[in-house]
Amino acid sequence: MLAQKQDLTSLFVNGGYDWSSKAIYAALDQRGTDLNSLEQELGLKKGSMRNVFYRQCRSYEQVIADRIGVPPSIIWPSRYADKVI
């Protein structure tokens, strides 16, 4: 008998809230990469992509989300929320 697979996502990510930097690092690590590797691949200065944790950087957000395998709006819902006037 196989054990039922648990969804432990809620331990690291709160639905509807931006992911913490630790959750992003863990998700990248799970995919076999890190920010330093992404910076090297893109020819960016070391530490450049860390700006994504402090301010909106759509191109960096997209690269990180693509590598993790989810849309950027899942990682940063506050940055991609529909603005209703």
C-alpha atoms as a PDB file:
ATOM      1  CA  MET A   1       0.000   0.000   0.000  1.00  0.00           C
ATOM      2  CA  LEU A   2       1.367   3.408  -0.989  1.00  0.00           C
ATOM      3  CA  ALA A   3       1.269   6.286   1.444  1.00  0.00           C
ATOM      4  CA  GLN A   4      -0.932   9.166   0.394  1.00  0.00           C
ATOM      5  CA  LYS A   5       1.072  12.095  -0.960  1.00  0.00           C
ATOM      6  CA  GLN A   6       0.849  15.183   1.244  1.00  0.00           C
ATOM      7  CA  ASP A   7       0.758  18.726  -0.043  1.00  0.00           C
ATOM      8  CA  LEU A   8       3.189  20.570   2.208  1.00  0.00           C
ATOM      9  CA  THR A   9       3.130  23.767   0.172  1.00  0.00           C
ATOM     10  CA  SER A  10       1.341  25.639   2.946  1.00  0.00           C
ATOM     11  CA  LEU A  11       4.365  25.163   5.188  1.00  0.00           C
ATOM     12  CA  PHE A  12       6.380  27.442   2.917  1.00  0.00           C
ATOM     13  CA  VAL A  13       3.874  29.482   0.937  1.00  0.00           C
ATOM     14  CA  ASN A  14       0.713  31.235   2.107  1.00  0.00           C
ATOM     15  CA  GLY A  15      -1.858  31.308  -0.693  1.00  0.00           C
ATOM     16  CA  GLY A  16      -2.620  34.816  -1.904  1.00  0.00           C
ATOM     17  CA  TYR A  17       0.576  36.248  -0.407  1.00  0.00           C
ATOM     18  CA  ASP A  18       3.951  36.876  -1.993  1.00  0.00           C
ATOM     19  CA  TRP A  19       6.406  34.019  -1.505  1.00  0.00           C
ATOM     20  CA  SER A  20       9.211  34.640   0.946  1.00  0.00           C
ATOM     21  CA  SER A  21      12.754  34.803  -0.373  1.00  0.00           C
ATOM     22  CA  LYS A  22      13.430  31.502   1.407  1.00  0.00           C
ATOM     23  CA  ALA A  23      10.547  29.839  -0.439  1.00  0.00           C
ATOM     24  CA  ILE A  24      11.869  31.146  -3.768  1.00  0.00           C
ATOM     25  CA  TYR A  25      15.398  29.945  -2.982  1.00  0.00           C
ATOM     26  CA  ALA A  26      14.005  26.526  -2.002  1.00  0.00           C
ATOM     27  CA  ALA A  27      11.913  26.264  -5.173  1.00  0.00           C
ATOM     28  CA  LEU A  28      14.918  27.162  -7.324  1.00  0.00           C
ATOM     29  CA  ASP A  29      17.057  24.668  -5.446  1.00  0.00           C
ATOM     30  CA  GLN A  30      14.425  21.995  -6.066  1.00  0.00           C
ATOM     31  CA  ARG A  31      14.815  22.724  -9.789  1.00  0.00           C
ATOM     32  CA  GLY A  32      18.605  22.421  -9.532  1.00  0.00           C
ATOM     33  CA  THR A  33      19.541  26.069  -9.843  1.00  0.00           C
ATOM     34  CA  ASP A  34      20.003  29.243  -7.815  1.00  0.00           C
ATOM     35  CA  LEU A  35      20.072  32.991  -8.375  1.00  0.00           C
ATOM     36  CA  ASN A  36      23.825  33.024  -8.970  1.00  0.00           C
ATOM     37  CA  SER A  37      23.472  30.494 -11.784  1.00  0.00           C
ATOM     38  CA  LEU A  38      20.623  32.460 -13.355  1.00  0.00           C
ATOM     39  CA  GLU A  39      22.694  35.651 -13.206  1.00  0.00           C
ATOM     40  CA  GLN A  40      25.606  33.911 -14.901  1.00  0.00           C
ATOM     41  CA  GLU A  41      23.346  32.484 -17.624  1.00  0.00           C
ATOM     42  CA  LEU A  42      21.925  35.942 -18.323  1.00  0.00           C
ATOM     43  CA  GLY A  43      25.278  37.730 -18.083  1.00  0.00           C
ATOM     44  CA  LEU A  44      24.143  39.843 -15.141  1.00  0.00           C
ATOM     45  CA  LYS A  45      26.274  41.339 -12.407  1.00  0.00           C
ATOM     46  CA  LYS A  46      26.451  39.194  -9.268  1.00  0.00           C
ATOM     47  CA  GLY A  47      23.617  40.086  -6.888  1.00  0.00           C
ATOM     48  CA  SER A  48      21.485  41.799  -9.533  1.00  0.00           C
ATOM     49  CA  MET A  49      18.565  39.401  -9.323  1.00  0.00           C
ATOM     50  CA  ARG A  50      18.234  39.883  -5.575  1.00  0.00           C
ATOM     51  CA  ASN A  51      16.530  43.181  -6.402  1.00  0.00           C
ATOM     52  CA  VAL A  52      13.449  41.100  -7.157  1.00  0.00           C
ATOM     53  CA  PHE A  53      12.952  40.647  -3.398  1.00  0.00           C
ATOM     54  CA  TYR A  54      12.706  44.405  -2.803  1.00  0.00           C
ATOM     55  CA  ARG A  55      11.139  45.921  -5.912  1.00  0.00           C
ATOM     56  CA  GLN A  56       9.234  44.975  -9.001  1.00  0.00           C
ATOM     57  CA  CYS A  57      11.539  43.696 -11.763  1.00  0.00           C
ATOM     58  CA  ARG A  58       9.266  42.061 -14.343  1.00  0.00           C
ATOM     59  CA  SER A  59      12.073  40.530 -16.410  1.00  0.00           C
ATOM     60  CA  TYR A  60      13.762  38.952 -13.369  1.00  0.00           C
ATOM     61  CA  GLU A  61      10.398  37.813 -12.002  1.00  0.00           C
ATOM     62  CA  GLN A  62       9.644  36.099 -15.312  1.00  0.00           C
ATOM     63  CA  VAL A  63      13.030  34.321 -15.421  1.00  0.00           C
ATOM     64  CA  ILE A  64      12.609  33.034 -11.860  1.00  0.00           C
ATOM     65  CA  ALA A  65       9.003  31.969 -12.432  1.00  0.00           C
ATOM     66  CA  ASP A  66       9.905  30.190 -15.677  1.00  0.00           C
ATOM     67  CA  ARG A  67      12.651  28.249 -13.927  1.00  0.00           C
ATOM     68  CA  ILE A  68      10.356  27.295 -11.039  1.00  0.00           C
ATOM     69  CA  GLY A  69       7.567  26.397 -13.457  1.00  0.00           C
ATOM     70  CA  VAL A  70       4.766  28.707 -12.349  1.00  0.00           C
ATOM     71  CA  PRO A  71       3.477  32.095 -13.559  1.00  0.00           C
ATOM     72  CA  PRO A  72       5.010  35.147 -11.821  1.00  0.00           C
ATOM     73  CA  SER A  73       1.545  36.007 -10.482  1.00  0.00           C
ATOM     74  CA  ILE A  74       1.688  32.885  -8.296  1.00  0.00           C
ATOM     75  CA  ILE A  75       4.974  33.944  -6.674  1.00  0.00           C
ATOM     76  CA  TRP A  76       4.152  37.670  -6.413  1.00  0.00           C
ATOM     77  CA  PRO A  77       0.345  38.020  -6.350  1.00  0.00           C
ATOM     78  CA  SER A  78       0.544  41.536  -4.903  1.00  0.00           C
ATOM     79  CA  ARG A  79       2.541  42.710  -7.923  1.00  0.00           C
ATOM     80  CA  TYR A  80       0.213  41.146 -10.469  1.00  0.00           C
ATOM     81  CA  ALA A  81      -3.171  41.776  -8.862  1.00  0.00           C
ATOM     82  CA  ASP A  82      -5.740  43.275 -11.215  1.00  0.00           C
ATOM     83  CA  LYS A  83      -6.100  46.940 -10.453  1.00  0.00           C
ATOM     84  CA  VAL A  84      -9.804  47.838 -10.373  1.00  0.00           C
ATOM     85  CA  ILE A  85     -10.617  51.542 -10.305  1.00  0.00           C
END
